[in-house]
PDB file of all heavy atoms in Angstrom:
ATOM      1  N   ALA A   1      -0.117 -16.055 -10.960  1.00  0.00           N
ATOM      2  CA  ALA A   1       0.574 -16.945 -11.886  1.00  0.00           C
ATOM      3  C   ALA A   1       1.533 -17.939 -11.159  1.00  0.00           C
ATOM      4  O   ALA A   1       2.369 -17.400 -10.443  1.00  0.00           O
ATOM      5  CB  ALA A   1       1.206 -16.205 -13.007  1.00  0.00           C
ATOM      6  N   ASP A   2       1.437 -19.177 -11.348  1.00  0.00           N
ATOM      7  CA  ASP A   2       2.292 -20.176 -10.749  1.00  0.00           C
ATOM      8  C   ASP A   2       2.424 -19.902  -9.254  1.00  0.00           C
ATOM      9  O   ASP A   2       3.426 -19.986  -8.629  1.00  0.00           O
ATOM     10  CB  ASP A   2       3.717 -20.138 -11.324  1.00  0.00           C
ATOM     11  CG  ASP A   2       3.792 -20.339 -12.865  1.00  0.00           C
ATOM     12  OD1 ASP A   2       2.988 -21.261 -13.322  1.00  0.00           O
ATOM     13  OD2 ASP A   2       4.644 -19.779 -13.627  1.00  0.00           O
ATOM     14  N   LYS A   3       1.219 -19.722  -8.696  1.00  0.00           N
ATOM     15  CA  LYS A   3       1.068 -19.555  -7.096  1.00  0.00           C
ATOM     16  C   LYS A   3       1.717 -18.307  -6.588  1.00  0.00           C
ATOM     17  O   LYS A   3       1.753 -18.162  -5.489  1.00  0.00           O
ATOM     18  CB  LYS A   3       1.655 -20.833  -6.487  1.00  0.00           C
ATOM     19  CG  LYS A   3       0.912 -22.083  -6.694  1.00  0.00           C
ATOM     20  CD  LYS A   3       1.389 -23.205  -5.882  1.00  0.00           C
ATOM     21  CE  LYS A   3       0.608 -24.560  -6.294  1.00  0.00           C
ATOM     22  NZ  LYS A   3       1.020 -25.555  -5.495  1.00  0.00           N
ATOM     23  N   LEU A   4       2.133 -17.431  -7.549  1.00  0.00           N
ATOM     24  CA  LEU A   4       2.687 -16.176  -7.052  1.00  0.00           C
ATOM     25  C   LEU A   4       1.564 -15.052  -7.341  1.00  0.00           C
ATOM     26  O   LEU A   4       0.969 -15.107  -8.352  1.00  0.00           O
ATOM     27  CB  LEU A   4       3.884 -15.784  -7.834  1.00  0.00           C
ATOM     28  CG  LEU A   4       5.066 -16.730  -7.600  1.00  0.00           C
ATOM     29  CD1 LEU A   4       6.376 -16.165  -8.508  1.00  0.00           C
ATOM     30  CD2 LEU A   4       5.577 -16.665  -6.131  1.00  0.00           C
ATOM     31  N   VAL A   5       1.539 -14.197  -6.444  1.00  0.00           N
ATOM     32  CA  VAL A   5       0.687 -12.995  -6.568  1.00  0.00           C
ATOM     33  C   VAL A   5       1.542 -11.769  -6.892  1.00  0.00           C
ATOM     34  O   VAL A   5       2.420 -11.401  -6.149  1.00  0.00           O
ATOM     35  CB  VAL A   5      -0.196 -12.763  -5.259  1.00  0.00           C
ATOM     36  CG1 VAL A   5      -1.048 -11.591  -5.255  1.00  0.00           C
ATOM     37  CG2 VAL A   5      -0.947 -14.030  -4.850  1.00  0.00           C
ATOM     38  N   VAL A   6       1.161 -11.093  -7.877  1.00  0.00           N
ATOM     39  CA  VAL A   6       1.949  -9.805  -8.243  1.00  0.00           C
ATOM     40  C   VAL A   6       0.893  -8.703  -8.620  1.00  0.00           C
ATOM     41  O   VAL A   6      -0.290  -9.041  -9.131  1.00  0.00           O
ATOM     42  CB  VAL A   6       2.757 -10.073  -9.570  1.00  0.00           C
ATOM     43  CG1 VAL A   6       3.973 -10.997  -9.209  1.00  0.00           C
ATOM     44  CG2 VAL A   6       2.022 -10.617 -10.761  1.00  0.00           C
ATOM     45  N   PHE A   7       1.274  -7.484  -8.284  1.00  0.00           N
ATOM     46  CA  PHE A   7       0.470  -6.411  -8.575  1.00  0.00           C
ATOM     47  C   PHE A   7       0.323  -6.042 -10.131  1.00  0.00           C
ATOM     48  O   PHE A   7       1.306  -6.297 -10.929  1.00  0.00           O
ATOM     49  CB  PHE A   7       1.037  -5.045  -7.994  1.00  0.00           C
ATOM     50  CG  PHE A   7       0.829  -4.984  -6.456  1.00  0.00           C
ATOM     51  CD1 PHE A   7       1.944  -4.788  -5.586  1.00  0.00           C
ATOM     52  CD2 PHE A   7      -0.331  -4.905  -6.001  1.00  0.00           C
ATOM     53  CE1 PHE A   7       1.740  -4.696  -4.236  1.00  0.00           C
ATOM     54  CE2 PHE A   7      -0.610  -4.846  -4.574  1.00  0.00           C
ATOM     55  CZ  PHE A   7       0.397  -4.629  -3.732  1.00  0.00           C
ATOM     56  N   THR A   8      -0.798  -5.660 -10.634  1.00  0.00           N
ATOM     57  CA  THR A   8      -0.910  -5.042 -11.871  1.00  0.00           C
ATOM     58  C   THR A   8      -0.588  -3.627 -11.607  1.00  0.00           C
ATOM     59  O   THR A   8      -0.354  -3.129 -10.428  1.00  0.00           O
ATOM     60  CB  THR A   8      -2.384  -5.106 -12.349  1.00  0.00           C
ATOM     61  OG1 THR A   8      -3.268  -4.347 -11.403  1.00  0.00           O
ATOM     62  CG2 THR A   8      -2.873  -6.454 -12.434  1.00  0.00           C
ATOM     63  N   HIS A   9      -0.507  -2.806 -12.648  1.00  0.00           N
ATOM     64  CA  HIS A   9      -0.211  -1.409 -12.479  1.00  0.00           C
ATOM     65  C   HIS A   9      -1.332  -0.610 -11.524  1.00  0.00           C
ATOM     66  O   HIS A   9      -1.010   0.143 -10.582  1.00  0.00           O
ATOM     67  CB  HIS A   9      -0.170  -0.626 -13.808  1.00  0.00           C
ATOM     68  CG  HIS A   9       0.009   0.837 -13.717  1.00  0.00           C
ATOM     69  ND1 HIS A   9       1.218   1.447 -13.400  1.00  0.00           N
ATOM     70  CD2 HIS A   9      -0.833   1.826 -13.882  1.00  0.00           C
ATOM     71  CE1 HIS A   9       1.136   2.758 -13.308  1.00  0.00           C
ATOM     72  NE2 HIS A   9      -0.136   3.042 -13.703  1.00  0.00           N
ATOM     73  N   LYS A  10      -2.564  -1.013 -11.872  1.00  0.00           N
ATOM     74  CA  LYS A  10      -3.653  -0.522 -11.048  1.00  0.00           C
ATOM     75  C   LYS A  10      -3.542  -0.902  -9.520  1.00  0.00           C
ATOM     76  O   LYS A  10      -3.698  -0.036  -8.581  1.00  0.00           O
ATOM     77  CB  LYS A  10      -5.034  -1.047 -11.522  1.00  0.00           C
ATOM     78  CG  LYS A  10      -6.187  -0.699 -10.727  1.00  0.00           C
ATOM     79  CD  LYS A  10      -7.409  -1.461 -11.378  1.00  0.00           C
ATOM     80  CE  LYS A  10      -8.678  -1.184 -10.546  1.00  0.00           C
ATOM     81  NZ  LYS A  10      -9.899  -1.728 -11.166  1.00  0.00           N
ATOM     82  N   GLY A  11      -3.179  -2.159  -9.283  1.00  0.00           N
ATOM     83  CA  GLY A  11      -2.904  -2.657  -7.851  1.00  0.00           C
ATOM     84  C   GLY A  11      -1.802  -1.926  -7.162  1.00  0.00           C
ATOM     85  O   GLY A  11      -1.956  -1.484  -6.136  1.00  0.00           O
ATOM     86  N   LYS A  12      -0.772  -1.738  -7.918  1.00  0.00           N
ATOM     87  CA  LYS A  12       0.456  -1.159  -7.285  1.00  0.00           C
ATOM     88  C   LYS A  12       0.199   0.331  -6.897  1.00  0.00           C
ATOM     89  O   LYS A  12       0.500   0.845  -5.785  1.00  0.00           O
ATOM     90  CB  LYS A  12       1.688  -1.212  -8.207  1.00  0.00           C
ATOM     91  CG  LYS A  12       2.946  -0.787  -7.523  1.00  0.00           C
ATOM     92  CD  LYS A  12       4.103  -1.432  -8.219  1.00  0.00           C
ATOM     93  CE  LYS A  12       5.327  -1.414  -7.232  1.00  0.00           C
ATOM     94  NZ  LYS A  12       5.743  -2.670  -6.887  1.00  0.00           N
ATOM     95  N   THR A  13      -0.587   0.998  -7.833  1.00  0.00           N
ATOM     96  CA  THR A  13      -0.953   2.425  -7.629  1.00  0.00           C
ATOM     97  C   THR A  13      -1.902   2.533  -6.395  1.00  0.00           C
ATOM     98  O   THR A  13      -1.611   3.324  -5.537  1.00  0.00           O
ATOM     99  CB  THR A  13      -1.741   3.018  -8.775  1.00  0.00           C
ATOM    100  OG1 THR A  13      -0.834   2.935  -9.914  1.00  0.00           O
ATOM    101  CG2 THR A  13      -2.087   4.379  -8.667  1.00  0.00           C
ATOM    102  N   ASP A  14      -2.828   1.698  -6.337  1.00  0.00           N
ATOM    103  CA  ASP A  14      -3.763   1.728  -5.140  1.00  0.00           C
ATOM    104  C   ASP A  14      -3.160   1.266  -3.910  1.00  0.00           C
ATOM    105  O   ASP A  14      -3.330   1.905  -2.746  1.00  0.00           O
ATOM    106  CB  ASP A  14      -5.032   0.878  -5.469  1.00  0.00           C
ATOM    107  CG  ASP A  14      -6.103   1.590  -6.279  1.00  0.00           C
ATOM    108  OD1 ASP A  14      -5.695   2.579  -7.023  1.00  0.00           O
ATOM    109  OD2 ASP A  14      -7.161   1.294  -6.276  1.00  0.00           O
ATOM    110  N   ALA A  15      -2.308   0.267  -3.914  1.00  0.00           N
ATOM    111  CA  ALA A  15      -1.529  -0.207  -2.784  1.00  0.00           C
ATOM    112  C   ALA A  15      -0.587   0.921  -2.235  1.00  0.00           C
ATOM    113  O   ALA A  15      -0.537   1.138  -1.051  1.00  0.00           O
ATOM    114  CB  ALA A  15      -0.808  -1.492  -3.109  1.00  0.00           C
ATOM    115  N   ARG A  16      -0.032   1.607  -3.065  1.00  0.00           N
ATOM    116  CA  ARG A  16       0.860   2.766  -2.615  1.00  0.00           C
ATOM    117  C   ARG A  16       0.052   3.797  -1.925  1.00  0.00           C
ATOM    118  O   ARG A  16       0.505   4.223  -0.920  1.00  0.00           O
ATOM    119  CB  ARG A  16       1.537   3.397  -3.892  1.00  0.00           C
ATOM    120  CG  ARG A  16       2.523   4.443  -3.452  1.00  0.00           C
ATOM    121  CD  ARG A  16       3.230   5.115  -4.822  1.00  0.00           C
ATOM    122  NE  ARG A  16       4.132   4.092  -5.358  1.00  0.00           N
ATOM    123  CZ  ARG A  16       3.963   3.758  -6.655  1.00  0.00           C
ATOM    124  NH1 ARG A  16       2.935   4.094  -7.472  1.00  0.00           N
ATOM    125  NH2 ARG A  16       4.701   2.791  -7.128  1.00  0.00           N
ATOM    126  N   LEU A  17      -1.129   4.111  -2.320  1.00  0.00           N
ATOM    127  CA  LEU A  17      -2.046   5.063  -1.606  1.00  0.00           C
ATOM    128  C   LEU A  17      -2.489   4.491  -0.349  1.00  0.00           C
ATOM    129  O   LEU A  17      -2.454   5.254   0.675  1.00  0.00           O
ATOM    130  CB  LEU A  17      -3.140   5.299  -2.467  1.00  0.00           C
ATOM    131  CG  LEU A  17      -2.897   6.124  -3.813  1.00  0.00           C
ATOM    132  CD1 LEU A  17      -4.316   6.308  -4.562  1.00  0.00           C
ATOM    133  CD2 LEU A  17      -2.381   7.539  -3.374  1.00  0.00           C
ATOM    134  N   VAL A  18      -2.773   3.226  -0.186  1.00  0.00           N
ATOM    135  CA  VAL A  18      -3.166   2.510   1.059  1.00  0.00           C
ATOM    136  C   VAL A  18      -1.929   2.623   2.040  1.00  0.00           C
ATOM    137  O   VAL A  18      -2.143   2.979   3.118  1.00  0.00           O
ATOM    138  CB  VAL A  18      -3.664   1.073   0.795  1.00  0.00           C
ATOM    139  CG1 VAL A  18      -3.780   0.341   2.121  1.00  0.00           C
ATOM    140  CG2 VAL A  18      -4.971   1.066   0.054  1.00  0.00           C
ATOM    141  N   ILE A  19      -0.869   2.338   1.600  1.00  0.00           N
ATOM    142  CA  ILE A  19       0.355   2.291   2.535  1.00  0.00           C
ATOM    143  C   ILE A  19       0.670   3.727   2.886  1.00  0.00           C
ATOM    144  O   ILE A  19       0.916   3.971   4.123  1.00  0.00           O
ATOM    145  CB  ILE A  19       1.567   1.675   1.748  1.00  0.00           C
ATOM    146  CG1 ILE A  19       1.447   0.287   1.564  1.00  0.00           C
ATOM    147  CG2 ILE A  19       2.871   2.057   2.482  1.00  0.00           C
ATOM    148  CD1 ILE A  19       1.473  -0.585   2.804  1.00  0.00           C
ATOM    149  N   ARG A  20       0.620   4.643   1.975  1.00  0.00           N
ATOM    150  CA  ARG A  20       0.828   6.151   2.371  1.00  0.00           C
ATOM    151  C   ARG A  20      -0.239   6.594   3.480  1.00  0.00           C
ATOM    152  O   ARG A  20       0.302   7.295   4.474  1.00  0.00           O
ATOM    153  CB  ARG A  20       0.728   6.998   1.024  1.00  0.00           C
ATOM    154  CG  ARG A  20       0.931   8.516   1.411  1.00  0.00           C
ATOM    155  CD  ARG A  20       1.033   9.162   0.037  1.00  0.00           C
ATOM    156  NE  ARG A  20       0.994  10.628  -0.076  1.00  0.00           N
ATOM    157  CZ  ARG A  20       1.432  11.513   0.912  1.00  0.00           C
ATOM    158  NH1 ARG A  20       1.878  11.115   2.059  1.00  0.00           N
ATOM    159  NH2 ARG A  20       1.342  12.841   0.656  1.00  0.00           N
ATOM    160  N   ARG A  21      -1.534   6.292   3.303  1.00  0.00           N
ATOM    161  CA  ARG A  21      -2.458   6.711   4.276  1.00  0.00           C
ATOM    162  C   ARG A  21      -2.133   6.057   5.667  1.00  0.00           C
ATOM    163  O   ARG A  21      -2.178   6.697   6.704  1.00  0.00           O
ATOM    164  CB  ARG A  21      -3.801   6.346   3.830  1.00  0.00           C
ATOM    165  CG  ARG A  21      -4.434   7.267   2.836  1.00  0.00           C
ATOM    166  CD  ARG A  21      -6.007   7.054   2.720  1.00  0.00           C
ATOM    167  NE  ARG A  21      -6.323   5.712   2.603  1.00  0.00           N
ATOM    168  CZ  ARG A  21      -6.602   5.006   1.485  1.00  0.00           C
ATOM    169  NH1 ARG A  21      -6.478   5.542   0.369  1.00  0.00           N
ATOM    170  NH2 ARG A  21      -6.869   3.680   1.523  1.00  0.00           N
ATOM    171  N   HIS A  22      -1.706   4.783   5.675  1.00  0.00           N
ATOM    172  CA  HIS A  22      -1.591   4.046   6.800  1.00  0.00           C
ATOM    173  C   HIS A  22      -0.300   4.615   7.535  1.00  0.00           C
ATOM    174  O   HIS A  22      -0.322   4.784   8.791  1.00  0.00           O
ATOM    175  CB  HIS A  22      -1.271   2.630   6.493  1.00  0.00           C
ATOM    176  CG  HIS A  22      -1.167   1.706   7.775  1.00  0.00           C
ATOM    177  ND1 HIS A  22      -2.163   1.197   8.541  1.00  0.00           N
ATOM    178  CD2 HIS A  22       0.028   1.441   8.482  1.00  0.00           C
ATOM    179  CE1 HIS A  22      -1.723   0.568   9.548  1.00  0.00           C
ATOM    180  NE2 HIS A  22      -0.326   0.673   9.594  1.00  0.00           N
ATOM    181  N   ARG A  23       0.799   4.874   6.800  1.00  0.00           N
ATOM    182  CA  ARG A  23       1.971   5.474   7.449  1.00  0.00           C
ATOM    183  C   ARG A  23       1.859   6.949   7.954  1.00  0.00           C
ATOM    184  O   ARG A  23       2.361   7.252   8.878  1.00  0.00           O
ATOM    185  CB  ARG A  23       3.151   5.265   6.462  1.00  0.00           C
ATOM    186  CG  ARG A  23       3.441   3.749   6.207  1.00  0.00           C
ATOM    187  CD  ARG A  23       4.639   3.546   5.459  1.00  0.00           C
ATOM    188  NE  ARG A  23       5.030   2.117   5.297  1.00  0.00           N
ATOM    189  CZ  ARG A  23       5.647   1.556   4.451  1.00  0.00           C
ATOM    190  NH1 ARG A  23       6.284   2.250   3.518  1.00  0.00           N
ATOM    191  NH2 ARG A  23       5.905   0.149   4.416  1.00  0.00           N
ATOM    192  N   LEU A  24       1.078   7.589   7.232  1.00  0.00           N
ATOM    193  CA  LEU A  24       0.756   8.968   7.729  1.00  0.00           C
ATOM    194  C   LEU A  24      -0.088   8.969   8.920  1.00  0.00           C
ATOM    195  O   LEU A  24       0.174   9.808   9.926  1.00  0.00           O
ATOM    196  CB  LEU A  24       0.044   9.784   6.556  1.00  0.00           C
ATOM    197  CG  LEU A  24       0.809  10.220   5.308  1.00  0.00           C
ATOM    198  CD1 LEU A  24      -0.080  10.889   4.296  1.00  0.00           C
ATOM    199  CD2 LEU A  24       1.892  11.360   5.934  1.00  0.00           C
ATOM    200  N   ALA A  25      -1.023   7.995   8.994  1.00  0.00           N
ATOM    201  CA  ALA A  25      -1.900   7.919  10.253  1.00  0.00           C
ATOM    202  C   ALA A  25      -0.898   7.510  11.445  1.00  0.00           C
ATOM    203  O   ALA A  25      -1.171   8.029  12.521  1.00  0.00           O
ATOM    204  CB  ALA A  25      -2.932   6.775  10.054  1.00  0.00           C
ATOM    205  N   GLU A  26       0.030   6.515  11.169  1.00  0.00           N
ATOM    206  CA  GLU A  26       0.994   6.236  12.174  1.00  0.00           C
ATOM    207  C   GLU A  26       1.744   7.299  12.683  1.00  0.00           C
ATOM    208  O   GLU A  26       1.885   7.481  13.871  1.00  0.00           O
ATOM    209  CB  GLU A  26       1.848   5.092  11.777  1.00  0.00           C
ATOM    210  CG  GLU A  26       1.147   3.689  11.605  1.00  0.00           C
ATOM    211  CD  GLU A  26       2.202   2.725  11.146  1.00  0.00           C
ATOM    212  OE1 GLU A  26       3.155   2.959  10.527  1.00  0.00           O
ATOM    213  OE2 GLU A  26       1.886   1.454  11.391  1.00  0.00           O
ATOM    214  N   ARG A  27       2.209   8.140  11.768  1.00  0.00           N
ATOM    215  CA  ARG A  27       2.983   9.366  12.182  1.00  0.00           C
ATOM    216  C   ARG A  27       2.160  10.270  13.049  1.00  0.00           C
ATOM    217  O   ARG A  27       2.652  10.801  14.073  1.00  0.00           O
ATOM    218  CB  ARG A  27       3.483  10.119  10.920  1.00  0.00           C
ATOM    219  CG  ARG A  27       4.475   9.379  10.136  1.00  0.00           C
ATOM    220  CD  ARG A  27       5.839   8.931  10.706  1.00  0.00           C
ATOM    221  NE  ARG A  27       6.230   9.464  11.924  1.00  0.00           N
ATOM    222  CZ  ARG A  27       6.945   8.824  12.944  1.00  0.00           C
ATOM    223  NH1 ARG A  27       7.255   7.635  12.776  1.00  0.00           N
ATOM    224  NH2 ARG A  27       7.300   9.491  13.934  1.00  0.00           N
ATOM    225  N   LEU A  28       0.931  10.578  12.571  1.00  0.00           N
ATOM    226  CA  LEU A  28       0.057  11.425  13.333  1.00  0.00           C
ATOM    227  C   LEU A  28      -0.168  10.883  14.825  1.00  0.00           C
ATOM    228  O   LEU A  28      -0.091  11.675  15.734  1.00  0.00           O
ATOM    229  CB  LEU A  28      -1.281  11.659  12.648  1.00  0.00           C
ATOM    230  CG  LEU A  28      -2.385  12.378  13.371  1.00  0.00           C
ATOM    231  CD1 LEU A  28      -1.876  13.844  13.577  1.00  0.00           C
ATOM    232  CD2 LEU A  28      -3.671  12.305  12.717  1.00  0.00           C
ATOM    233  N   LEU A  29      -0.537   9.658  14.850  1.00  0.00           N
ATOM    234  CA  LEU A  29      -0.796   8.947  16.180  1.00  0.00           C
ATOM    235  C   LEU A  29       0.332   8.981  17.032  1.00  0.00           C
ATOM    236  O   LEU A  29       0.199   9.240  18.210  1.00  0.00           O
ATOM    237  CB  LEU A  29      -1.373   7.602  15.903  1.00  0.00           C
ATOM    238  CG  LEU A  29      -2.628   7.381  15.218  1.00  0.00           C
ATOM    239  CD1 LEU A  29      -2.956   6.031  14.803  1.00  0.00           C
ATOM    240  CD2 LEU A  29      -3.805   7.959  16.132  1.00  0.00           C
ATOM    241  N   ASN A  30       1.513   8.822  16.450  1.00  0.00           N
ATOM    242  CA  ASN A  30       2.766   8.692  17.319  1.00  0.00           C
ATOM    243  C   ASN A  30       3.257  10.109  17.557  1.00  0.00           C
ATOM    244  O   ASN A  30       3.560  10.477  18.834  1.00  0.00           O
ATOM    245  CB  ASN A  30       3.918   7.969  16.483  1.00  0.00           C
ATOM    246  CG  ASN A  30       5.160   7.777  17.397  1.00  0.00           C
ATOM    247  OD1 ASN A  30       5.027   7.569  18.587  1.00  0.00           O
ATOM    248  ND2 ASN A  30       6.289   7.862  16.726  1.00  0.00           N
ATOM    249  N   ASP A  31       3.464  11.018  16.666  1.00  0.00           N
ATOM    250  CA  ASP A  31       4.127  12.341  16.816  1.00  0.00           C
ATOM    251  C   ASP A  31       3.117  13.338  17.473  1.00  0.00           C
ATOM    252  O   ASP A  31       3.619  14.044  18.320  1.00  0.00           O
ATOM    253  CB  ASP A  31       4.508  12.872  15.516  1.00  0.00           C
ATOM    254  CG  ASP A  31       5.509  12.093  14.902  1.00  0.00           C
ATOM    255  OD1 ASP A  31       6.138  11.106  15.548  1.00  0.00           O
ATOM    256  OD2 ASP A  31       5.886  12.223  13.684  1.00  0.00           O
TER     257      ASP A  31
END
C-alpha cells in the first residue's frame, strides 16, 4: 500500500519461522 510493503499475520508468522531457522543455523555453524 502506497509503495510500502507490510506483513500480514500469515506473513509475519512465516517470516518469524524463517528467521528462527536461519539464526539457529548460524549458531550451529559458529558454535
